[in-house]
Amino acid sequence: MADHITRKKPSGTALVAVPSATDQPGSARAIPASAAHPFVAATLSFNPLRSPDILKTMEIMMTQNKTQYDKFANDAASASKESVEAFLKSTNIWVKGTEDLIKTCMSLAQENASKNSEALKTLMGCKTLNELTEVQNKLAQENFDGFMSSATKLSELTVKLTTEALEPINDQVSKSIKKATESVAA
């Protein structure tokens, strides 16, 4: 170990060990004149990095922090990948469901067009005003019932599509919340 200058109390017991100028390689460092008191001299010359225990502790902390950072970075990358996969899966479900919804709308429009064509033929075949009124009332009721049935069918398909499309995203959010809760608890 390096040479130290030891200052002693008048009683003869050592107060502090002040490093000599040779403790600092390549330095002719001297303790300032204002450091005449041994405590001040020791304070000015204190270097926490001289202790091998502190260096070892710092190395351990830096290694742990790097390990924690690497784990955090890997977890974040994994979560991002899972989120993108969930979003893509959700988008695929939405596109397929939208195709089915459009096909259903087209089918309903074709049915309504053929019903309206039949209704026009029926209305043209009426011979009296009373017969025309009865046929018109009957057609109005059938059209209303058909509209309500179509609206219900489209509403059910839309709710089903939305639920199915959001399911992968909901699952991913639940997983993320669970992971975050577990890491906060740990």
C-alpha atoms as a PDB file:
ATOM      1  CA  MET A   1       0.000   0.000   0.000  1.00  0.00           C
ATOM      2  CA  ALA A   2       1.075   3.606  -0.457  1.00  0.00           C
ATOM      3  CA  ASP A   3       2.976   5.626   2.082  1.00  0.00           C
ATOM      4  CA  HIS A   4       0.807   7.607   4.459  1.00  0.00           C
ATOM      5  CA  ILE A   5       1.641  10.430   6.758  1.00  0.00           C
ATOM      6  CA  THR A   6       0.061   9.783  10.120  1.00  0.00           C
ATOM      7  CA  ARG A   7      -0.893  12.718  12.254  1.00  0.00           C
ATOM      8  CA  LYS A   8      -1.177  12.157  15.962  1.00  0.00           C
ATOM      9  CA  LYS A   9      -2.952  13.827  18.808  1.00  0.00           C
ATOM     10  CA  PRO A  10      -0.844  15.298  21.583  1.00  0.00           C
ATOM     11  CA  SER A  11      -1.776  12.194  23.607  1.00  0.00           C
ATOM     12  CA  GLY A  12       0.033  10.051  21.046  1.00  0.00           C
ATOM     13  CA  THR A  13      -2.914   8.248  19.431  1.00  0.00           C
ATOM     14  CA  ALA A  14      -3.300   8.393  15.657  1.00  0.00           C
ATOM     15  CA  LEU A  15      -6.033  10.638  14.277  1.00  0.00           C
ATOM     16  CA  VAL A  16      -6.032  10.007  10.546  1.00  0.00           C
ATOM     17  CA  ALA A  17      -3.855   8.580   7.853  1.00  0.00           C
ATOM     18  CA  VAL A  18      -3.254  11.242   5.232  1.00  0.00           C
ATOM     19  CA  PRO A  19      -1.965   9.912   1.918  1.00  0.00           C
ATOM     20  CA  SER A  20       1.378  11.200   0.874  1.00  0.00           C
ATOM     21  CA  ALA A  21       2.042  12.786  -2.501  1.00  0.00           C
ATOM     22  CA  THR A  22       3.220   9.404  -3.812  1.00  0.00           C
ATOM     23  CA  ASP A  23      -0.329   7.964  -3.534  1.00  0.00           C
ATOM     24  CA  GLN A  24      -1.287   9.841  -6.690  1.00  0.00           C
ATOM     25  CA  PRO A  25       0.870   8.504  -9.532  1.00  0.00           C
ATOM     26  CA  GLY A  26       2.333  11.266 -11.669  1.00  0.00           C
ATOM     27  CA  SER A  27       1.049  13.903  -9.275  1.00  0.00           C
ATOM     28  CA  ALA A  28       2.872  16.099  -6.848  1.00  0.00           C
ATOM     29  CA  ARG A  29      -0.371  16.791  -5.036  1.00  0.00           C
ATOM     30  CA  ALA A  30       0.021  18.383  -1.686  1.00  0.00           C
ATOM     31  CA  ILE A  31      -2.598  19.092   0.921  1.00  0.00           C
ATOM     32  CA  PRO A  32      -3.378  22.825   0.967  1.00  0.00           C
ATOM     33  CA  ALA A  33      -2.037  24.978   3.770  1.00  0.00           C
ATOM     34  CA  SER A  34      -5.617  25.589   4.949  1.00  0.00           C
ATOM     35  CA  ALA A  35      -5.737  21.916   5.772  1.00  0.00           C
ATOM     36  CA  ALA A  36      -3.579  22.256   8.840  1.00  0.00           C
ATOM     37  CA  HIS A  37      -6.160  20.448  10.929  1.00  0.00           C
ATOM     38  CA  PRO A  38      -5.928  16.643  10.497  1.00  0.00           C
ATOM     39  CA  PHE A  39      -9.705  16.206   9.885  1.00  0.00           C
ATOM     40  CA  VAL A  40      -9.663  18.763   7.073  1.00  0.00           C
ATOM     41  CA  ALA A  41      -6.630  17.091   5.539  1.00  0.00           C
ATOM     42  CA  ALA A  42      -8.314  13.694   5.641  1.00  0.00           C
ATOM     43  CA  THR A  43     -11.497  15.105   4.111  1.00  0.00           C
ATOM     44  CA  LEU A  44      -9.605  16.727   1.252  1.00  0.00           C
ATOM     45  CA  SER A  45      -7.661  13.603   0.492  1.00  0.00           C
ATOM     46  CA  PHE A  46     -10.601  11.159   0.720  1.00  0.00           C
ATOM     47  CA  ASN A  47     -10.995   9.154  -2.460  1.00  0.00           C
ATOM     48  CA  PRO A  48     -13.766   6.531  -2.265  1.00  0.00           C
ATOM     49  CA  LEU A  49     -12.514   4.827  -5.417  1.00  0.00           C
ATOM     50  CA  ARG A  50      -9.347   3.681  -3.626  1.00  0.00           C
ATOM     51  CA  SER A  51     -11.265   1.045  -1.753  1.00  0.00           C
ATOM     52  CA  PRO A  52     -11.399  -2.297  -3.606  1.00  0.00           C
ATOM     53  CA  ASP A  53     -14.739  -3.032  -1.912  1.00  0.00           C
ATOM     54  CA  ILE A  54     -16.323   0.036  -3.468  1.00  0.00           C
ATOM     55  CA  LEU A  55     -14.967  -0.866  -6.900  1.00  0.00           C
ATOM     56  CA  LYS A  56     -16.309  -4.381  -6.555  1.00  0.00           C
ATOM     57  CA  THR A  57     -19.702  -3.028  -5.405  1.00  0.00           C
ATOM     58  CA  MET A  58     -19.796  -0.628  -8.358  1.00  0.00           C
ATOM     59  CA  GLU A  59     -18.951  -3.455 -10.747  1.00  0.00           C
ATOM     60  CA  ILE A  60     -21.737  -5.608  -9.294  1.00  0.00           C
ATOM     61  CA  MET A  61     -24.247  -2.744  -9.515  1.00  0.00           C
ATOM     62  CA  MET A  62     -23.299  -1.970 -13.105  1.00  0.00           C
ATOM     63  CA  THR A  63     -23.560  -5.638 -14.073  1.00  0.00           C
ATOM     64  CA  GLN A  64     -26.953  -5.943 -12.383  1.00  0.00           C
ATOM     65  CA  ASN A  65     -28.182  -2.767 -14.073  1.00  0.00           C
ATOM     66  CA  LYS A  66     -27.004  -4.032 -17.458  1.00  0.00           C
ATOM     67  CA  THR A  67     -28.720  -7.353 -16.821  1.00  0.00           C
ATOM     68  CA  GLN A  68     -31.911  -5.579 -15.744  1.00  0.00           C
ATOM     69  CA  TYR A  69     -31.737  -3.291 -18.783  1.00  0.00           C
ATOM     70  CA  ASP A  70     -31.205  -6.264 -21.108  1.00  0.00           C
ATOM     71  CA  LYS A  71     -34.176  -8.048 -19.536  1.00  0.00           C
ATOM     72  CA  PHE A  72     -36.302  -4.900 -19.832  1.00  0.00           C
ATOM     73  CA  ALA A  73     -35.259  -4.407 -23.483  1.00  0.00           C
ATOM     74  CA  ASN A  74     -36.015  -8.051 -24.328  1.00  0.00           C
ATOM     75  CA  ASP A  75     -39.385  -7.874 -22.568  1.00  0.00           C
ATOM     76  CA  ALA A  76     -40.252  -4.641 -24.385  1.00  0.00           C
ATOM     77  CA  ALA A  77     -39.269  -6.125 -27.758  1.00  0.00           C
ATOM     78  CA  SER A  78     -41.277  -9.256 -27.028  1.00  0.00           C
ATOM     79  CA  ALA A  79     -44.314  -7.225 -25.932  1.00  0.00           C
ATOM     80  CA  SER A  80     -44.070  -5.072 -29.062  1.00  0.00           C
ATOM     81  CA  LYS A  81     -43.868  -8.136 -31.273  1.00  0.00           C
ATOM     82  CA  GLU A  82     -46.852  -9.710 -29.517  1.00  0.00           C
ATOM     83  CA  SER A  83     -48.814  -6.460 -29.828  1.00  0.00           C
ATOM     84  CA  VAL A  84     -48.130  -6.227 -33.556  1.00  0.00           C
ATOM     85  CA  GLU A  85     -49.110  -9.872 -34.029  1.00  0.00           C
ATOM     86  CA  ALA A  86     -52.346  -9.300 -32.086  1.00  0.00           C
ATOM     87  CA  PHE A  87     -53.092  -6.196 -34.170  1.00  0.00           C
ATOM     88  CA  LEU A  88     -52.471  -8.071 -37.440  1.00  0.00           C
ATOM     89  CA  LYS A  89     -54.643 -10.969 -36.321  1.00  0.00           C
ATOM     90  CA  SER A  90     -57.374  -8.528 -35.330  1.00  0.00           C
ATOM     91  CA  THR A  91     -57.109  -6.735 -38.669  1.00  0.00           C
ATOM     92  CA  ASN A  92     -57.386 -10.024 -40.587  1.00  0.00           C
ATOM     93  CA  ILE A  93     -60.503 -10.964 -38.632  1.00  0.00           C
ATOM     94  CA  TRP A  94     -61.973  -7.501 -39.262  1.00  0.00           C
ATOM     95  CA  VAL A  95     -61.296  -7.668 -43.033  1.00  0.00           C
ATOM     96  CA  LYS A  96     -62.821 -11.155 -43.352  1.00  0.00           C
ATOM     97  CA  GLY A  97     -65.817 -10.158 -41.249  1.00  0.00           C
ATOM     98  CA  THR A  98     -66.312  -6.981 -43.285  1.00  0.00           C
ATOM     99  CA  GLU A  99     -66.344  -9.081 -46.469  1.00  0.00           C
ATOM    100  CA  ASP A 100     -69.036 -11.297 -44.947  1.00  0.00           C
ATOM    101  CA  LEU A 101     -70.994  -8.225 -43.854  1.00  0.00           C
ATOM    102  CA  ILE A 102     -70.833  -6.729 -47.368  1.00  0.00           C
ATOM    103  CA  LYS A 103     -71.929 -10.040 -48.899  1.00  0.00           C
ATOM    104  CA  THR A 104     -74.876 -10.130 -46.496  1.00  0.00           C
ATOM    105  CA  CYS A 105     -75.827  -6.534 -47.401  1.00  0.00           C
ATOM    106  CA  MET A 106     -75.673  -7.378 -51.106  1.00  0.00           C
ATOM    107  CA  SER A 107     -77.784 -10.484 -50.551  1.00  0.00           C
ATOM    108  CA  LEU A 108     -80.384  -8.466 -48.624  1.00  0.00           C
ATOM    109  CA  ALA A 109     -80.418  -5.794 -51.354  1.00  0.00           C
ATOM    110  CA  GLN A 110     -81.025  -8.461 -54.028  1.00  0.00           C
ATOM    111  CA  GLU A 111     -83.847  -9.974 -51.968  1.00  0.00           C
ATOM    112  CA  ASN A 112     -85.451  -6.543 -51.543  1.00  0.00           C
ATOM    113  CA  ALA A 113     -85.113  -5.800 -55.257  1.00  0.00           C
ATOM    114  CA  SER A 114     -86.851  -9.070 -56.197  1.00  0.00           C
ATOM    115  CA  LYS A 115     -89.572  -8.493 -53.557  1.00  0.00           C
ATOM    116  CA  ASN A 116     -90.144  -4.960 -54.843  1.00  0.00           C
ATOM    117  CA  SER A 117     -90.379  -6.282 -58.414  1.00  0.00           C
ATOM    118  CA  GLU A 118     -93.003  -8.848 -57.312  1.00  0.00           C
ATOM    119  CA  ALA A 119     -94.822  -6.157 -55.319  1.00  0.00           C
ATOM    120  CA  LEU A 120     -94.990  -3.882 -58.369  1.00  0.00           C
ATOM    121  CA  LYS A 121     -96.457  -6.734 -60.451  1.00  0.00           C
ATOM    122  CA  THR A 122     -99.023  -7.407 -57.714  1.00  0.00           C
ATOM    123  CA  LEU A 123     -99.938  -3.722 -57.465  1.00  0.00           C
ATOM    124  CA  MET A 124    -100.299  -3.459 -61.261  1.00  0.00           C
ATOM    125  CA  GLY A 125    -102.644  -6.449 -61.234  1.00  0.00           C
ATOM    126  CA  CYS A 126    -105.131  -4.825 -58.813  1.00  0.00           C
ATOM    127  CA  LYS A 127    -108.558  -4.156 -60.370  1.00  0.00           C
ATOM    128  CA  THR A 128    -110.207  -2.061 -57.633  1.00  0.00           C
ATOM    129  CA  LEU A 129    -109.169   0.679 -55.274  1.00  0.00           C
ATOM    130  CA  ASN A 130    -109.984  -1.508 -52.224  1.00  0.00           C
ATOM    131  CA  GLU A 131    -107.849  -4.350 -53.576  1.00  0.00           C
ATOM    132  CA  LEU A 132    -104.980  -1.881 -54.214  1.00  0.00           C
ATOM    133  CA  THR A 133    -105.245  -0.547 -50.650  1.00  0.00           C
ATOM    134  CA  GLU A 134    -105.220  -4.063 -49.147  1.00  0.00           C
ATOM    135  CA  VAL A 135    -102.216  -5.135 -51.240  1.00  0.00           C
ATOM    136  CA  GLN A 136    -100.386  -1.899 -50.406  1.00  0.00           C
ATOM    137  CA  ASN A 137    -100.998  -2.358 -46.639  1.00  0.00           C
ATOM    138  CA  LYS A 138     -99.877  -5.982 -46.848  1.00  0.00           C
ATOM    139  CA  LEU A 139     -96.710  -4.988 -48.765  1.00  0.00           C
ATOM    140  CA  ALA A 140     -95.956  -2.180 -46.297  1.00  0.00           C
ATOM    141  CA  GLN A 141     -96.204  -4.625 -43.385  1.00  0.00           C
ATOM    142  CA  GLU A 142     -93.983  -7.178 -45.195  1.00  0.00           C
ATOM    143  CA  ASN A 143     -91.421  -4.463 -46.025  1.00  0.00           C
ATOM    144  CA  PHE A 144     -91.350  -3.271 -42.416  1.00  0.00           C
ATOM    145  CA  ASP A 145     -90.938  -6.846 -41.129  1.00  0.00           C
ATOM    146  CA  GLY A 146     -88.195  -7.476 -43.712  1.00  0.00           C
ATOM    147  CA  PHE A 147     -86.440  -4.241 -42.744  1.00  0.00           C
ATOM    148  CA  MET A 148     -86.521  -5.136 -39.040  1.00  0.00           C
ATOM    149  CA  SER A 149     -85.281  -8.668 -39.778  1.00  0.00           C
ATOM    150  CA  SER A 150     -82.448  -7.338 -41.959  1.00  0.00           C
ATOM    151  CA  ALA A 151     -81.490  -4.687 -39.402  1.00  0.00           C
ATOM    152  CA  THR A 152     -81.391  -7.305 -36.635  1.00  0.00           C
ATOM    153  CA  LYS A 153     -79.302  -9.645 -38.766  1.00  0.00           C
ATOM    154  CA  LEU A 154     -76.821  -6.864 -39.684  1.00  0.00           C
ATOM    155  CA  SER A 155     -76.643  -5.696 -36.077  1.00  0.00           C
ATOM    156  CA  GLU A 156     -75.876  -9.212 -34.843  1.00  0.00           C
ATOM    157  CA  LEU A 157     -73.190  -9.678 -37.519  1.00  0.00           C
ATOM    158  CA  THR A 158     -71.607  -6.319 -36.631  1.00  0.00           C
ATOM    159  CA  VAL A 159     -71.522  -7.078 -32.902  1.00  0.00           C
ATOM    160  CA  LYS A 160     -70.090 -10.552 -33.587  1.00  0.00           C
ATOM    161  CA  LEU A 161     -67.474  -9.098 -35.948  1.00  0.00           C
ATOM    162  CA  THR A 162     -66.423  -6.397 -33.498  1.00  0.00           C
ATOM    163  CA  THR A 163     -66.187  -8.867 -30.612  1.00  0.00           C
ATOM    164  CA  GLU A 164     -64.121 -11.346 -32.625  1.00  0.00           C
ATOM    165  CA  ALA A 165     -61.859  -8.655 -34.095  1.00  0.00           C
ATOM    166  CA  LEU A 166     -61.088  -7.086 -30.716  1.00  0.00           C
ATOM    167  CA  GLU A 167     -60.507 -10.396 -28.938  1.00  0.00           C
ATOM    168  CA  PRO A 168     -56.770 -10.702 -29.875  1.00  0.00           C
ATOM    169  CA  ILE A 169     -56.162  -7.104 -28.784  1.00  0.00           C
ATOM    170  CA  ASN A 170     -58.054  -7.617 -25.508  1.00  0.00           C
ATOM    171  CA  ASP A 171     -56.031 -10.771 -24.825  1.00  0.00           C
ATOM    172  CA  GLN A 172     -52.766  -8.918 -25.475  1.00  0.00           C
ATOM    173  CA  VAL A 173     -53.774  -6.020 -23.217  1.00  0.00           C
ATOM    174  CA  SER A 174     -54.698  -8.488 -20.466  1.00  0.00           C
ATOM    175  CA  LYS A 175     -51.319 -10.220 -20.808  1.00  0.00           C
ATOM    176  CA  SER A 176     -49.504  -6.873 -20.681  1.00  0.00           C
ATOM    177  CA  ILE A 177     -51.408  -5.773 -17.579  1.00  0.00           C
ATOM    178  CA  LYS A 178     -50.691  -9.117 -15.915  1.00  0.00           C
ATOM    179  CA  LYS A 179     -46.951  -8.841 -16.714  1.00  0.00           C
ATOM    180  CA  ALA A 180     -46.832  -5.256 -15.464  1.00  0.00           C
ATOM    181  CA  THR A 181     -48.623  -6.214 -12.258  1.00  0.00           C
ATOM    182  CA  GLU A 182     -46.253  -9.134 -11.687  1.00  0.00           C
ATOM    183  CA  SER A 183     -43.139  -7.008 -12.271  1.00  0.00           C
ATOM    184  CA  VAL A 184     -44.407  -4.294  -9.927  1.00  0.00           C
ATOM    185  CA  ALA A 185     -45.118  -6.943  -7.298  1.00  0.00           C
ATOM    186  CA  ALA A 186     -41.651  -8.484  -7.749  1.00  0.00           C
END
